[in-house]
Amino acid sequence: MSDDPYWNSGQSSEPSGRFSGGDPLVTDSFETWWHASLDVVQRSWRTVGLILLIGVVLPRWIIGAFDNNVRAPQVDVEVDDWGAWVREYSPGVAVGVIGAVLSLAALYVAGSAALAAVRTAAAEAAGGFLSLGEAFSFGFRRGGRFFLWLLLAWVTIGAGLVLCVLPGLWAIFALSLMAPAAVFEARRSPYARSIQLTHAAFWPALGRIVIVVLVAIAANLVIGLVGLLLAGVWHGIFAPWLAAVLTVLTEAIMALLLLVPMIWVLAASLCTYAWLRGRGESVSATSLSAEASGAVPVHGSQASPSPAPGGYTGPGEPGHPGSPPPTP
């Protein structure tokens, strides 16, 4: 039994066939959602992976290498000497400021890359494509505004986890769809829109997002812990210069390992957003891609005699169904 009010067991009149397995993003049940997210990974792992590699993995590697090297102990510290331990791992105000600036820059670049990756996955689900330059141009064009919403989201989550764990966990759930909301609904607050969507079907959405969040947290904890332990081993065994080189290489490997769950998390978030939108609106992968490209939906009598596939007009993007052919 589906939890989508627009689903029916008979023949659907929905043009996209979204509830009969015809749409690659908009689903109705948990099983179809699961398969749709895996299909997004299979279809777009190369392009999405490259975007995340440049925009998320590379900045993470730089931050991790910087942090592990500047905070590496230069002298032996007794385990029970906590004052010396704190001094050893607190290298100074200047390093802290540099680290904070790098972290904020990495957050901006990562947020922009997430927007670019979602945009690319949606375009490819609709049968189109975006070049790497077009994807990043889209991401950075909207990344500045999205960065401010990300800061608010981090403050909300951090405050919730510090003051009381449950509000923080709620914030993680409620704000988990900010990236796709920012891609497809540019004129609305992704912060408020994510909360609205996740609460439109609270328990089914919670079940899906819990899986996504658990995968993300587990991957970050395991890989981050392994990288931290290895960095400690390198600095405890080898000379400082060699330990620094090995630490940088270790961070690169750990960051690359995170790319695999990262692609699926983005795909699952995109399919969760599409599922929730589909509960209250007639949407499809094609219409979502058209929204992101700025195309104007066609409504009723205002439709042109020959509307583009998916019921929209506008330039679309290169290779998108209904977009004009390239100029010779």
Protein backbone atom coordinates (compact mmCIF):
# COMPACT_ATOMS: atom_id res chain seq x y z
CA MET A 1 0.00 0.00 0.00
CA SER A 2 1.53 3.28 -1.07
CA ASP A 3 1.76 6.30 1.20
CA ASP A 4 1.27 8.66 -1.76
CA PRO A 5 -2.29 10.07 -1.99
CA TYR A 6 -2.04 10.35 -5.78
CA TRP A 7 -1.13 6.73 -6.27
CA ASN A 8 -3.69 4.21 -7.44
CA SER A 9 -3.42 0.54 -8.24
CA GLY A 10 -5.08 0.90 -11.61
CA GLN A 11 -3.84 2.51 -14.76
CA SER A 12 -2.47 5.96 -13.96
CA SER A 13 -3.41 9.00 -16.02
CA GLU A 14 -0.19 10.77 -15.04
CA PRO A 15 1.64 11.53 -18.33
CA SER A 16 5.06 10.83 -16.88
CA GLY A 17 3.98 7.42 -15.60
CA ARG A 18 5.73 8.35 -12.37
CA PHE A 19 3.80 5.88 -10.21
CA SER A 20 4.10 2.98 -12.61
CA GLY A 21 7.86 2.95 -12.60
CA GLY A 22 8.11 5.31 -15.58
CA ASP A 23 9.78 8.25 -13.87
CA PRO A 24 13.42 8.00 -12.78
CA LEU A 25 13.06 10.34 -9.78
CA VAL A 26 9.45 10.61 -8.59
CA THR A 27 8.34 7.48 -6.74
CA ASP A 28 5.56 6.40 -4.39
CA SER A 29 6.81 3.55 -2.20
CA PHE A 30 9.95 2.83 -0.21
CA GLU A 31 11.01 0.08 -2.62
CA THR A 32 10.73 2.29 -5.70
CA TRP A 33 12.49 5.12 -3.84
CA TRP A 34 15.37 2.79 -2.97
CA HIS A 35 15.74 1.56 -6.54
CA ALA A 36 15.45 5.10 -7.94
CA SER A 37 18.30 6.30 -5.72
CA LEU A 38 20.49 3.39 -6.83
CA ASP A 39 19.59 4.15 -10.45
CA VAL A 40 20.72 7.76 -9.97
CA VAL A 41 24.07 6.45 -8.71
CA GLN A 42 24.41 4.05 -11.63
CA ARG A 43 23.43 6.69 -14.18
CA SER A 44 25.33 9.72 -12.84
CA TRP A 45 28.20 8.44 -10.71
CA ARG A 46 30.83 9.66 -13.18
CA THR A 47 29.61 13.24 -13.53
CA VAL A 48 28.35 13.64 -9.98
CA GLY A 49 31.45 11.94 -8.62
CA LEU A 50 33.72 14.31 -10.55
CA ILE A 51 31.83 17.36 -9.26
CA LEU A 52 31.98 16.13 -5.67
CA LEU A 53 35.63 15.17 -6.09
CA ILE A 54 36.55 18.72 -7.09
CA GLY A 55 34.13 20.62 -4.89
CA VAL A 56 33.90 18.50 -1.73
CA VAL A 57 36.67 15.90 -1.54
CA LEU A 58 39.52 18.23 -2.54
CA PRO A 59 38.63 20.97 -0.01
CA ARG A 60 38.10 18.32 2.66
CA TRP A 61 41.54 16.90 1.91
CA ILE A 62 43.14 20.33 2.22
CA ILE A 63 41.40 21.03 5.53
CA GLY A 64 42.22 17.59 6.91
CA ALA A 65 45.87 17.76 5.90
CA PHE A 66 46.21 21.26 7.38
CA ASP A 67 44.53 20.31 10.63
CA ASN A 68 46.47 17.09 11.15
CA ASN A 69 49.83 18.66 10.40
CA VAL A 70 49.54 21.88 12.41
CA ARG A 71 48.13 19.98 15.37
CA ALA A 72 50.64 17.13 15.25
CA PRO A 73 52.72 16.78 18.41
CA GLN A 74 56.35 17.83 18.12
CA VAL A 75 57.39 16.34 21.48
CA ASP A 76 56.31 13.37 23.51
CA VAL A 77 53.40 14.15 25.81
CA GLU A 78 52.43 11.99 28.75
CA VAL A 79 48.92 10.64 28.45
CA ASP A 80 47.94 11.90 31.91
CA ASP A 81 49.42 15.38 31.39
CA TRP A 82 46.23 16.99 30.08
CA GLY A 83 47.52 20.55 30.32
CA ALA A 84 50.48 19.73 28.08
CA TRP A 85 48.20 17.81 25.74
CA VAL A 86 45.90 20.82 25.32
CA ARG A 87 48.83 23.16 24.71
CA GLU A 88 50.36 20.78 22.22
CA TYR A 89 47.16 20.46 20.20
CA SER A 90 46.29 24.18 20.34
CA PRO A 91 48.91 25.76 18.07
CA GLY A 92 47.76 29.37 18.44
CA VAL A 93 45.29 32.05 17.41
CA ALA A 94 46.77 32.58 13.94
CA VAL A 95 46.43 28.92 13.02
CA GLY A 96 42.89 28.90 14.43
CA VAL A 97 41.92 31.91 12.30
CA ILE A 98 43.45 30.36 9.18
CA GLY A 99 41.64 27.11 9.91
CA ALA A 100 38.31 28.92 10.37
CA VAL A 101 38.72 30.83 7.09
CA LEU A 102 39.62 27.63 5.25
CA SER A 103 36.63 25.84 6.78
CA LEU A 104 34.21 28.59 5.71
CA ALA A 105 35.67 28.63 2.21
CA ALA A 106 35.39 24.85 2.03
CA LEU A 107 31.76 25.04 3.18
CA TYR A 108 30.95 27.54 0.43
CA VAL A 109 32.66 25.46 -2.26
CA ALA A 110 31.08 22.23 -0.97
CA GLY A 111 27.61 23.80 -0.92
CA SER A 112 28.04 25.07 -4.47
CA ALA A 113 29.28 21.66 -5.58
CA ALA A 114 26.25 19.98 -3.97
CA LEU A 115 23.94 22.27 -5.95
CA ALA A 116 25.87 21.53 -9.14
CA ALA A 117 25.73 17.77 -8.49
CA VAL A 118 21.97 17.77 -7.80
CA ARG A 119 21.39 19.86 -10.93
CA THR A 120 23.46 17.47 -13.03
CA ALA A 121 21.77 14.35 -11.65
CA ALA A 122 18.33 15.83 -12.38
CA ALA A 123 19.30 16.79 -15.92
CA GLU A 124 20.65 13.32 -16.64
CA ALA A 125 17.54 11.71 -15.14
CA ALA A 126 15.49 13.76 -17.64
CA GLY A 127 17.63 12.56 -20.53
CA GLY A 128 19.84 15.64 -20.80
CA PHE A 129 23.31 16.55 -19.68
CA LEU A 130 25.40 19.38 -18.31
CA SER A 131 29.07 19.97 -18.89
CA LEU A 132 31.35 20.34 -15.89
CA GLY A 133 31.64 24.07 -16.51
CA GLU A 134 27.87 24.54 -16.78
CA ALA A 135 27.29 22.58 -13.60
CA PHE A 136 29.79 24.59 -11.56
CA SER A 137 28.55 27.83 -13.08
CA PHE A 138 25.06 26.95 -11.84
CA GLY A 139 26.38 25.93 -8.42
CA PHE A 140 28.50 29.01 -7.80
CA ARG A 141 25.79 31.32 -9.14
CA ARG A 142 23.46 30.14 -6.39
CA GLY A 143 26.15 29.15 -3.92
CA GLY A 144 26.49 32.52 -2.19
CA ARG A 145 22.89 32.65 -1.03
CA PHE A 146 22.89 28.95 -0.23
CA PHE A 147 26.05 29.40 1.86
CA LEU A 148 24.18 31.75 4.22
CA TRP A 149 21.38 29.22 4.63
CA LEU A 150 23.98 26.52 5.29
CA LEU A 151 25.49 28.63 8.06
CA LEU A 152 22.07 29.03 9.63
CA ALA A 153 21.50 25.28 9.33
CA TRP A 154 24.84 24.50 11.03
CA VAL A 155 24.05 26.94 13.84
CA THR A 156 20.61 25.36 14.27
CA ILE A 157 21.98 21.83 14.35
CA GLY A 158 24.90 22.74 16.60
CA ALA A 159 22.71 24.60 19.08
CA GLY A 160 20.21 21.75 19.13
CA LEU A 161 22.88 19.14 19.78
CA VAL A 162 24.55 21.20 22.51
CA LEU A 163 21.43 22.31 24.37
CA CYS A 164 19.59 19.02 24.02
CA VAL A 165 20.33 16.17 21.66
CA LEU A 166 16.80 15.63 20.35
CA PRO A 167 16.33 19.13 18.86
CA GLY A 168 19.64 18.72 17.08
CA LEU A 169 18.57 15.37 15.64
CA TRP A 170 15.29 16.93 14.55
CA ALA A 171 17.20 19.73 12.81
CA ILE A 172 19.38 17.21 10.95
CA PHE A 173 16.22 15.53 9.69
CA ALA A 174 14.24 18.68 8.94
CA LEU A 175 17.06 20.45 7.06
CA SER A 176 18.31 17.45 5.09
CA LEU A 177 16.66 18.51 1.81
CA MET A 178 18.05 22.03 1.59
CA ALA A 179 20.26 21.33 -1.43
CA PRO A 180 17.55 20.00 -3.78
CA ALA A 181 15.14 22.67 -2.51
CA ALA A 182 17.69 25.35 -3.41
CA VAL A 183 18.20 23.83 -6.87
CA PHE A 184 14.55 23.47 -7.91
CA GLU A 185 12.85 26.27 -5.97
CA ALA A 186 15.29 29.15 -6.17
CA ARG A 187 12.81 31.80 -5.06
CA ARG A 188 11.94 30.07 -1.81
CA SER A 189 13.92 29.64 1.38
CA PRO A 190 15.58 26.20 1.21
CA TYR A 191 15.68 26.23 5.02
CA ALA A 192 11.91 26.64 5.40
CA ARG A 193 11.10 24.54 2.35
CA SER A 194 13.10 21.58 3.63
CA ILE A 195 11.23 21.71 6.95
CA GLN A 196 7.90 21.94 5.14
CA LEU A 197 8.60 18.97 2.88
CA THR A 198 9.98 16.67 5.55
CA HIS A 199 6.97 17.33 7.78
CA ALA A 200 4.45 16.82 4.97
CA ALA A 201 4.90 13.07 5.44
CA PHE A 202 6.78 12.95 8.71
CA TRP A 203 7.15 9.23 9.46
CA PRO A 204 7.78 7.95 5.90
CA ALA A 205 10.23 10.82 5.33
CA LEU A 206 11.91 10.13 8.66
CA GLY A 207 12.44 6.49 7.70
CA ARG A 208 14.13 7.41 4.44
CA ILE A 209 16.25 10.23 5.83
CA VAL A 210 17.37 8.20 8.85
CA ILE A 211 18.93 5.74 6.41
CA VAL A 212 20.63 8.57 4.51
CA VAL A 213 21.92 10.27 7.66
CA LEU A 214 23.14 7.03 9.22
CA VAL A 215 25.11 6.16 6.09
CA ALA A 216 26.65 9.65 6.03
CA ILE A 217 27.51 9.67 9.76
CA ALA A 218 28.89 6.14 9.77
CA ALA A 219 31.08 6.78 6.73
CA ASN A 220 32.43 10.05 8.14
CA LEU A 221 33.10 8.59 11.58
CA VAL A 222 34.80 5.42 10.41
CA ILE A 223 36.91 7.01 7.69
CA GLY A 224 37.70 10.09 9.79
CA LEU A 225 38.75 7.98 12.77
CA VAL A 226 40.98 5.76 10.64
CA GLY A 227 42.64 8.83 9.13
CA LEU A 228 43.20 10.40 12.55
CA LEU A 229 44.71 7.22 13.99
CA LEU A 230 47.01 6.77 11.01
CA ALA A 231 48.16 10.40 11.28
CA GLY A 232 49.02 9.80 14.93
CA VAL A 233 50.95 6.68 14.03
CA TRP A 234 52.95 8.46 11.32
CA HIS A 235 53.93 11.27 13.70
CA GLY A 236 54.81 8.82 16.41
CA ILE A 237 57.07 6.65 14.26
CA PHE A 238 58.60 8.71 11.47
CA ALA A 239 60.54 11.93 11.21
CA PRO A 240 58.39 15.11 11.08
CA TRP A 241 58.86 15.74 7.35
CA LEU A 242 58.03 12.15 6.41
CA ALA A 243 55.10 12.06 8.83
CA ALA A 244 53.71 15.22 7.20
CA VAL A 245 53.94 13.67 3.73
CA LEU A 246 52.30 10.44 4.87
CA THR A 247 49.55 12.41 6.63
CA VAL A 248 48.74 14.32 3.46
CA LEU A 249 48.61 11.08 1.45
CA THR A 250 46.44 9.43 4.11
CA GLU A 251 43.99 12.33 4.04
CA ALA A 252 43.78 12.07 0.25
CA ILE A 253 42.93 8.36 0.44
CA MET A 254 40.37 8.87 3.22
CA ALA A 255 38.71 11.69 1.27
CA LEU A 256 38.48 9.52 -1.84
CA LEU A 257 36.89 6.70 0.17
CA LEU A 258 34.20 9.13 1.33
CA LEU A 259 33.25 9.84 -2.27
CA VAL A 260 31.41 6.52 -2.61
CA PRO A 261 28.80 7.02 0.16
CA MET A 262 28.66 10.72 -0.70
CA ILE A 263 27.30 10.01 -4.18
CA TRP A 264 24.57 7.75 -2.83
CA VAL A 265 23.60 10.20 -0.08
CA LEU A 266 23.11 12.92 -2.69
CA ALA A 267 21.11 10.57 -4.93
CA ALA A 268 18.88 9.45 -2.03
CA SER A 269 18.28 13.06 -0.98
CA LEU A 270 17.29 14.00 -4.53
CA CYS A 271 14.84 11.08 -4.77
CA THR A 272 13.43 11.89 -1.32
CA TYR A 273 12.79 15.47 -2.40
CA ALA A 274 11.16 14.31 -5.66
CA TRP A 275 8.98 11.83 -3.78
CA LEU A 276 7.79 14.47 -1.33
CA ARG A 277 7.13 17.00 -4.09
CA GLY A 278 5.21 14.33 -6.00
CA ARG A 279 2.85 13.78 -3.09
CA GLY A 280 1.29 17.20 -3.55
CA GLU A 281 2.18 18.25 -7.09
CA SER A 282 2.26 16.75 -10.55
CA VAL A 283 6.02 16.67 -11.09
CA SER A 284 8.46 14.51 -12.99
CA ALA A 285 12.18 14.37 -13.60
CA THR A 286 11.67 16.45 -16.74
CA SER A 287 9.65 19.16 -15.00
CA LEU A 288 12.11 19.31 -12.11
CA SER A 289 15.02 19.71 -14.50
CA ALA A 290 13.07 22.43 -16.30
CA GLU A 291 12.50 24.27 -13.00
CA ALA A 292 16.21 24.21 -12.25
CA SER A 293 17.06 25.54 -15.71
CA GLY A 294 14.62 28.42 -15.31
CA ALA A 295 12.17 27.18 -17.92
CA VAL A 296 8.55 28.33 -17.60
CA PRO A 297 5.92 25.61 -16.92
CA VAL A 298 3.02 25.30 -19.31
CA HIS A 299 -0.44 25.54 -17.74
CA GLY A 300 -3.72 24.67 -19.40
CA SER A 301 -4.79 27.05 -22.17
CA GLN A 302 -1.52 28.93 -22.00
CA ALA A 303 0.30 25.96 -23.45
CA SER A 304 1.93 26.41 -26.81
CA PRO A 305 0.73 24.31 -29.75
CA SER A 306 3.86 22.15 -29.54
CA PRO A 307 5.05 22.06 -25.96
CA ALA A 308 8.36 20.48 -25.13
CA PRO A 309 8.39 17.06 -23.47
CA GLY A 310 7.42 17.31 -19.83
CA GLY A 311 5.07 20.23 -20.45
CA TYR A 312 7.36 23.25 -20.35
CA THR A 313 8.83 25.91 -22.59
CA GLY A 314 12.21 27.53 -22.36
CA PRO A 315 15.79 26.96 -23.37
CA GLY A 316 16.42 24.01 -21.07
CA GLU A 317 20.05 22.95 -21.09
CA PRO A 318 22.26 21.37 -23.75
CA GLY A 319 21.07 17.89 -24.58
CA HIS A 320 17.79 18.25 -22.65
CA PRO A 321 14.65 16.85 -24.29
CA GLY A 322 12.90 19.71 -26.06
CA SER A 323 15.87 22.06 -26.03
CA PRO A 324 16.80 23.74 -29.31
CA PRO A 325 19.41 22.00 -31.43
CA PRO A 326 22.92 23.41 -31.29
CA THR A 327 23.68 26.21 -33.72
CA PRO A 328 26.04 25.06 -36.50
